[in-house]
Protein backbone atom coordinates (compact mmCIF):
# COMPACT_ATOMS: atom_id res chain seq x y z
CA MET A 1 -7.87 -2.10 -14.85
CA LYS A 2 -9.37 0.53 -12.60
CA LEU A 3 -7.64 1.24 -9.30
CA SER A 4 -9.39 3.77 -7.08
CA GLY A 5 -10.72 4.45 -3.61
CA SER A 6 -9.25 2.82 -0.51
CA ILE A 7 -6.75 0.08 -1.28
CA VAL A 8 -5.35 -1.50 1.87
CA ALA A 9 -1.65 -2.26 2.20
CA ILE A 10 -2.48 -5.37 4.17
CA VAL A 11 -0.37 -6.64 7.06
CA THR A 12 0.92 -10.20 7.14
CA PRO A 13 -0.45 -11.95 10.26
CA MET A 14 2.10 -14.24 11.89
CA LYS A 15 2.05 -16.99 14.48
CA SER A 16 4.43 -16.97 17.43
CA ASP A 17 6.92 -19.08 15.44
CA GLN A 18 6.92 -16.34 12.74
CA SER A 19 5.12 -18.52 10.18
CA ILE A 20 2.24 -16.84 8.35
CA ASP A 21 -1.15 -17.17 10.02
CA LEU A 22 -3.07 -18.10 6.89
CA ASN A 23 -6.44 -18.37 8.63
CA ALA A 24 -6.06 -14.83 9.99
CA LEU A 25 -5.03 -13.59 6.54
CA ARG A 26 -8.11 -15.16 4.96
CA LYS A 27 -10.35 -13.56 7.58
CA LEU A 28 -8.73 -10.17 7.00
CA CYS A 29 -9.38 -10.40 3.26
CA ASP A 30 -13.07 -11.13 3.82
CA TRP A 31 -13.37 -8.41 6.47
CA HIS A 32 -11.85 -5.79 4.20
CA ILE A 33 -14.22 -6.57 1.37
CA GLU A 34 -17.21 -6.52 3.75
CA GLN A 35 -16.04 -3.13 5.07
CA GLY A 36 -15.83 -1.58 1.60
CA THR A 37 -12.11 -1.77 0.84
CA ASN A 38 -11.63 -1.33 -2.91
CA GLY A 39 -8.44 -3.35 -3.37
CA ILE A 40 -5.69 -5.21 -1.51
CA VAL A 41 -1.93 -4.83 -1.76
CA VAL A 42 -0.28 -7.97 -0.42
CA MET A 43 3.42 -8.23 0.40
CA GLY A 44 4.13 -4.53 0.28
CA THR A 45 6.09 -2.61 2.91
CA THR A 46 3.28 -3.08 5.43
CA GLY A 47 3.25 -6.80 4.67
CA GLU A 48 6.92 -7.13 5.66
CA SER A 49 7.96 -8.24 2.18
CA ALA A 50 11.57 -7.26 2.85
CA THR A 51 11.99 -9.70 5.73
CA VAL A 52 9.95 -12.80 4.86
CA SER A 53 11.32 -15.76 2.93
CA GLU A 54 10.42 -16.10 -0.75
CA SER A 55 8.37 -19.17 0.14
CA ASP A 56 6.29 -17.19 2.65
CA TYR A 57 6.08 -14.30 0.18
CA LEU A 58 4.52 -16.55 -2.45
CA THR A 59 2.27 -18.31 0.06
CA ALA A 60 0.82 -14.99 1.26
CA ILE A 61 0.13 -13.91 -2.31
CA LYS A 62 -1.46 -17.23 -3.28
CA THR A 63 -3.67 -17.26 -0.19
CA THR A 64 -4.81 -13.67 -0.74
CA VAL A 65 -5.64 -14.24 -4.41
CA GLN A 66 -7.62 -17.38 -3.61
CA GLN A 67 -9.54 -15.81 -0.74
CA VAL A 68 -10.37 -12.59 -2.56
CA ASN A 69 -11.53 -14.62 -5.56
CA SER A 70 -11.70 -11.62 -7.94
CA ARG A 71 -14.01 -9.59 -5.68
CA VAL A 72 -11.53 -6.68 -5.66
CA PRO A 73 -8.16 -6.18 -7.37
CA VAL A 74 -5.17 -7.84 -5.70
CA ILE A 75 -1.78 -6.19 -6.19
CA ALA A 76 1.47 -7.81 -5.08
CA GLY A 77 4.55 -5.90 -4.05
CA SER A 78 7.41 -7.16 -6.23
CA GLY A 79 10.10 -4.48 -6.12
CA ALA A 80 13.71 -5.44 -5.41
CA ILE A 81 17.11 -3.77 -5.62
CA GLY A 82 17.94 -5.48 -8.91
CA THR A 83 15.97 -5.45 -12.16
CA ASP A 84 16.32 -9.20 -12.76
CA LYS A 85 15.01 -10.00 -9.27
CA THR A 86 12.12 -7.58 -9.72
CA ILE A 87 11.11 -9.24 -12.99
CA SER A 88 11.37 -12.68 -11.40
CA LEU A 89 9.19 -11.76 -8.42
CA SER A 90 6.70 -9.95 -10.65
CA ASN A 91 6.13 -12.97 -12.84
CA LYS A 92 5.99 -15.40 -9.93
CA ALA A 93 3.24 -13.20 -8.49
CA ALA A 94 1.56 -13.01 -11.89
CA ALA A 95 1.51 -16.80 -12.10
CA LEU A 96 -0.40 -16.87 -8.82
CA GLY A 97 -3.17 -14.70 -10.27
CA VAL A 98 -2.56 -11.16 -9.04
CA ASP A 99 -4.12 -8.33 -11.02
CA ALA A 100 -1.02 -6.12 -10.94
CA VAL A 101 2.36 -5.70 -9.27
CA LEU A 102 3.54 -2.77 -7.18
CA VAL A 103 7.18 -2.03 -7.99
CA VAL A 104 9.06 0.22 -5.58
CA THR A 105 12.03 2.18 -6.87
CA PRO A 106 15.26 0.22 -6.33
CA TYR A 107 16.48 1.08 -2.85
CA TYR A 108 20.02 1.42 -1.49
CA CYS A 109 21.76 1.63 -4.87
CA LYS A 110 20.49 5.17 -5.70
CA PRO A 111 19.94 4.94 -9.48
CA SER A 112 19.74 8.04 -11.68
CA GLN A 113 16.52 9.09 -13.41
CA SER A 114 17.84 7.38 -16.55
CA GLY A 115 18.50 4.24 -14.54
CA LEU A 116 15.00 4.34 -13.05
CA TYR A 117 13.47 4.77 -16.49
CA GLN A 118 15.38 1.85 -17.96
CA HIS A 119 14.62 -0.31 -14.91
CA TYR A 120 10.88 0.25 -15.13
CA ILE A 121 10.78 -0.20 -18.90
CA ALA A 122 12.57 -3.54 -18.54
CA VAL A 123 10.14 -4.64 -15.83
CA ALA A 124 7.08 -3.46 -17.75
CA ASP A 125 8.27 -5.18 -20.92
CA ALA A 126 8.74 -8.49 -19.11
CA ALA A 127 5.90 -8.45 -16.57
CA LYS A 128 2.87 -10.56 -17.43
CA VAL A 129 0.54 -8.26 -15.47
CA PRO A 130 0.19 -4.46 -15.26
CA VAL A 131 2.79 -2.51 -13.30
CA VAL A 132 2.14 0.12 -10.62
CA LEU A 133 5.10 2.43 -10.00
CA TYR A 134 5.92 3.13 -6.36
CA ASN A 135 7.77 6.26 -5.27
CA VAL A 136 8.70 6.48 -1.59
CA PRO A 137 11.98 8.39 -1.28
CA GLY A 138 11.78 8.42 2.51
CA ARG A 139 12.52 4.69 2.43
CA THR A 140 14.55 4.31 -0.76
CA ALA A 141 16.74 7.45 -0.93
CA CYS A 142 15.54 7.68 -4.51
CA ASP A 143 12.88 10.03 -5.93
CA LEU A 144 11.06 9.08 -9.13
CA LEU A 145 10.52 12.55 -10.59
CA PRO A 146 7.34 13.59 -12.45
CA GLU A 147 9.24 14.04 -15.73
CA THR A 148 10.36 10.41 -15.55
CA VAL A 149 6.86 9.23 -14.62
CA ALA A 150 5.51 11.09 -17.65
CA LYS A 151 7.81 9.15 -19.97
CA LEU A 152 7.02 5.86 -18.25
CA SER A 153 3.28 6.48 -18.47
CA GLU A 154 3.51 6.00 -22.23
CA HIS A 155 4.24 2.30 -21.72
CA ARG A 156 1.05 0.28 -22.19
CA ASN A 157 1.83 -1.97 -19.21
CA ILE A 158 2.39 0.83 -16.68
CA VAL A 159 -1.04 1.74 -15.35
CA ALA A 160 -0.61 3.66 -12.09
CA ILE A 161 1.75 5.18 -9.56
CA LYS A 162 1.73 5.07 -5.77
CA GLU A 163 3.13 8.50 -4.93
CA ALA A 164 4.27 8.49 -1.31
CA THR A 165 6.25 11.70 -0.97
CA GLY A 166 3.36 13.39 0.85
CA ASN A 167 3.74 16.29 -1.58
CA VAL A 168 0.20 16.96 -2.78
CA SER A 169 1.41 19.41 -5.44
CA ARG A 170 2.76 16.41 -7.34
CA VAL A 171 -0.78 15.43 -8.34
CA LYS A 172 -1.37 18.37 -10.64
CA GLU A 173 2.22 18.17 -11.87
CA LEU A 174 1.76 14.53 -12.83
CA ILE A 175 -1.59 15.23 -14.48
CA ALA A 176 -0.04 18.07 -16.48
CA LYS A 177 3.07 16.17 -17.56
CA CYS A 178 1.56 12.76 -18.36
CA LYS A 179 0.22 12.91 -21.92
CA THR A 180 -0.97 9.35 -21.46
CA PRO A 181 -3.25 9.30 -18.38
CA ILE A 182 -1.96 7.25 -15.45
CA GLN A 183 -3.90 6.39 -12.32
CA LEU A 184 -2.63 8.35 -9.32
CA LEU A 185 -2.68 6.71 -5.89
CA SER A 186 -1.51 8.40 -2.72
CA GLY A 187 0.89 6.49 -0.50
CA ASP A 188 0.51 8.89 2.42
CA ASP A 189 -2.62 8.56 4.57
CA ALA A 190 -2.30 11.99 6.17
CA THR A 191 -2.52 13.79 2.82
CA ALA A 192 -4.66 11.26 0.93
CA ARG A 193 -7.86 13.30 1.03
CA GLU A 194 -6.14 16.38 -0.41
CA PHE A 195 -4.36 14.16 -2.94
CA ILE A 196 -7.67 12.80 -4.23
CA LYS A 197 -9.26 16.26 -4.10
CA GLU A 198 -6.50 17.56 -6.39
CA GLY A 199 -7.26 14.88 -8.98
CA GLY A 200 -5.91 11.62 -7.57
CA ASP A 201 -7.79 8.34 -7.83
CA GLY A 202 -7.32 6.86 -4.37
CA VAL A 203 -4.86 5.73 -1.72
CA ILE A 204 -2.84 2.66 -0.86
CA SER A 205 -3.43 2.88 2.85
CA VAL A 206 -1.94 1.74 6.15
CA THR A 207 -4.80 3.28 8.14
CA ALA A 208 -7.28 1.09 6.24
CA ASN A 209 -5.91 -1.91 8.13
CA VAL A 210 -7.70 -0.74 11.28
CA ALA A 211 -10.47 1.54 9.95
CA PRO A 212 -11.38 0.19 6.50
CA ALA A 213 -14.95 1.44 6.41
CA LEU A 214 -14.02 5.01 7.33
CA MET A 215 -11.15 5.09 4.84
CA SER A 216 -13.40 3.80 2.08
CA GLU A 217 -16.09 6.34 2.98
CA MET A 218 -13.61 9.22 3.06
CA CYS A 219 -12.21 8.29 -0.34
CA GLN A 220 -15.62 7.90 -1.96
CA LEU A 221 -16.90 11.18 -0.54
CA THR A 222 -13.83 12.96 -1.90
CA LEU A 223 -14.16 11.31 -5.31
CA ASP A 224 -17.80 12.45 -5.31
CA ALA A 225 -16.64 16.02 -4.49
CA ASN A 226 -18.49 15.96 -1.15
CA HIS A 227 -15.49 17.62 0.44
CA LYS A 228 -17.13 18.95 3.59
CA GLN A 229 -18.36 15.52 4.67
CA ALA A 230 -15.09 13.90 3.61
CA GLN A 231 -13.22 16.27 5.90
CA ILE A 232 -15.47 15.34 8.82
CA VAL A 233 -14.73 11.65 8.27
CA ASP A 234 -11.02 12.30 7.82
CA GLN A 235 -10.87 14.18 11.13
CA LYS A 236 -11.84 10.95 12.89
CA LEU A 237 -8.84 9.31 11.26
CA GLU A 238 -6.23 12.02 11.71
CA LEU A 239 -4.64 10.56 14.84
CA LEU A 240 -4.36 7.17 13.16
CA HIS A 241 -2.78 8.77 10.09
CA ARG A 242 -0.16 10.29 12.38
CA ASP A 243 0.37 7.76 15.15
CA LEU A 244 0.50 4.62 13.03
CA PHE A 245 3.94 5.95 12.12
CA LEU A 246 5.26 6.61 15.64
CA GLU A 247 7.62 3.74 14.92
CA ALA A 248 8.55 2.19 11.60
CA ASN A 249 5.59 0.80 9.67
CA PRO A 250 4.20 -1.83 10.25
CA ILE A 251 5.13 -1.91 13.96
CA PRO A 252 2.28 0.36 15.20
CA VAL A 253 -0.41 -0.97 12.88
CA LYS A 254 0.30 -4.59 13.78
CA TRP A 255 0.04 -3.72 17.48
CA ALA A 256 -3.23 -1.88 16.84
CA MET A 257 -4.64 -4.91 15.04
CA TYR A 258 -3.44 -7.12 17.88
CA VAL A 259 -5.40 -5.13 20.47
CA MET A 260 -8.38 -5.23 18.11
CA GLY A 261 -8.20 -9.02 18.24
CA LEU A 262 -7.55 -9.41 14.51
CA ILE A 263 -4.00 -10.83 14.54
CA GLY A 264 -1.26 -12.01 16.88
CA ASP A 265 1.49 -9.69 18.05
CA THR A 266 4.38 -11.25 16.11
CA ILE A 267 6.61 -9.16 13.86
CA LYS A 268 9.83 -10.25 12.14
CA LEU A 269 13.27 -9.00 13.06
CA PRO A 270 14.88 -6.56 12.62
CA LEU A 271 11.53 -4.95 13.50
CA THR A 272 10.44 -5.38 17.10
CA PRO A 273 7.08 -4.99 18.89
CA LEU A 274 5.74 -1.52 19.66
CA GLU A 275 7.43 0.20 22.60
CA ASN A 276 5.20 0.50 25.67
CA ASN A 277 5.42 4.30 25.74
CA PHE A 278 3.73 4.54 22.32
CA GLN A 279 0.80 2.28 23.18
CA PRO A 280 -1.44 4.92 24.86
CA ALA A 281 -1.27 7.13 21.75
CA ILE A 282 -2.36 4.25 19.52
CA LEU A 283 -5.23 3.42 21.84
CA LYS A 284 -6.34 7.07 21.80
CA ALA A 285 -6.18 7.15 18.00
CA LEU A 286 -8.29 4.00 17.77
CA GLU A 287 -10.82 5.50 20.17
CA GLN A 288 -11.09 8.69 18.11
CA ALA A 289 -11.91 6.57 15.05
CA ASN A 290 -14.48 4.57 17.06
CA VAL A 291 -12.46 1.39 16.60
CA LYS A 292 -13.18 -1.21 19.27
CA THR A 293 -10.37 -2.96 21.13
CA GLN A 294 -10.44 -6.05 23.29
């Protein structure tokens, strides 16, 4: 399975009663494909997977798979603190027809590199679909080191890594250490272009939620080694890359999509709506990217 280009970490639209707005989710899926998005991650960090019920988690995945209808790959976030829970979620997502699962490093419990290796091997052995590793130490207090990734890449069911440290030097390190090639996806919008330029395959993107066409164009230009034009496109996105993280993701991006008229303004506790003082910066970032608001 090829994973490359701009893969959106899609938000989960919600109604005022905090139930999932399935019609809005379906429309988002179609819009992303029309705009050139190369894949969809459902129920990742940006999708509020940590705070929705398991029933809503599965409903969002099922709806996304059905609406996308094999037009682009669909990847479901399935990482949990425990290995057993991760395997369970992975195979429930697999049964709904996802193409792969995105498995974040276990958070809070701070496993060793040996523990991480054994965790991912157990998940990859049991998962009925390919596994994408997900390293985001800023959220998990746990860094999946390149040496460990290299060993994991030898497993036939581990096909990619979302590397979200923002450390572009990791690309060449991973390429050098992984004897078995593994697809490399950035998890940091601000450094995604450089990540791809250094040999990465694409990005799992928050920015793509509001500027999917530009993100797709930037990724493709970089993959085609048209670096000058890619930089010009990326400059339009630089404020979004920065300001969509003024508060915890997905607070800013959901507000941006609300003012674009794409979704409602509901977000689940313990996250709360975007503070008023951050709103002008988001509006300016949208304007720089030529994104229309209502």
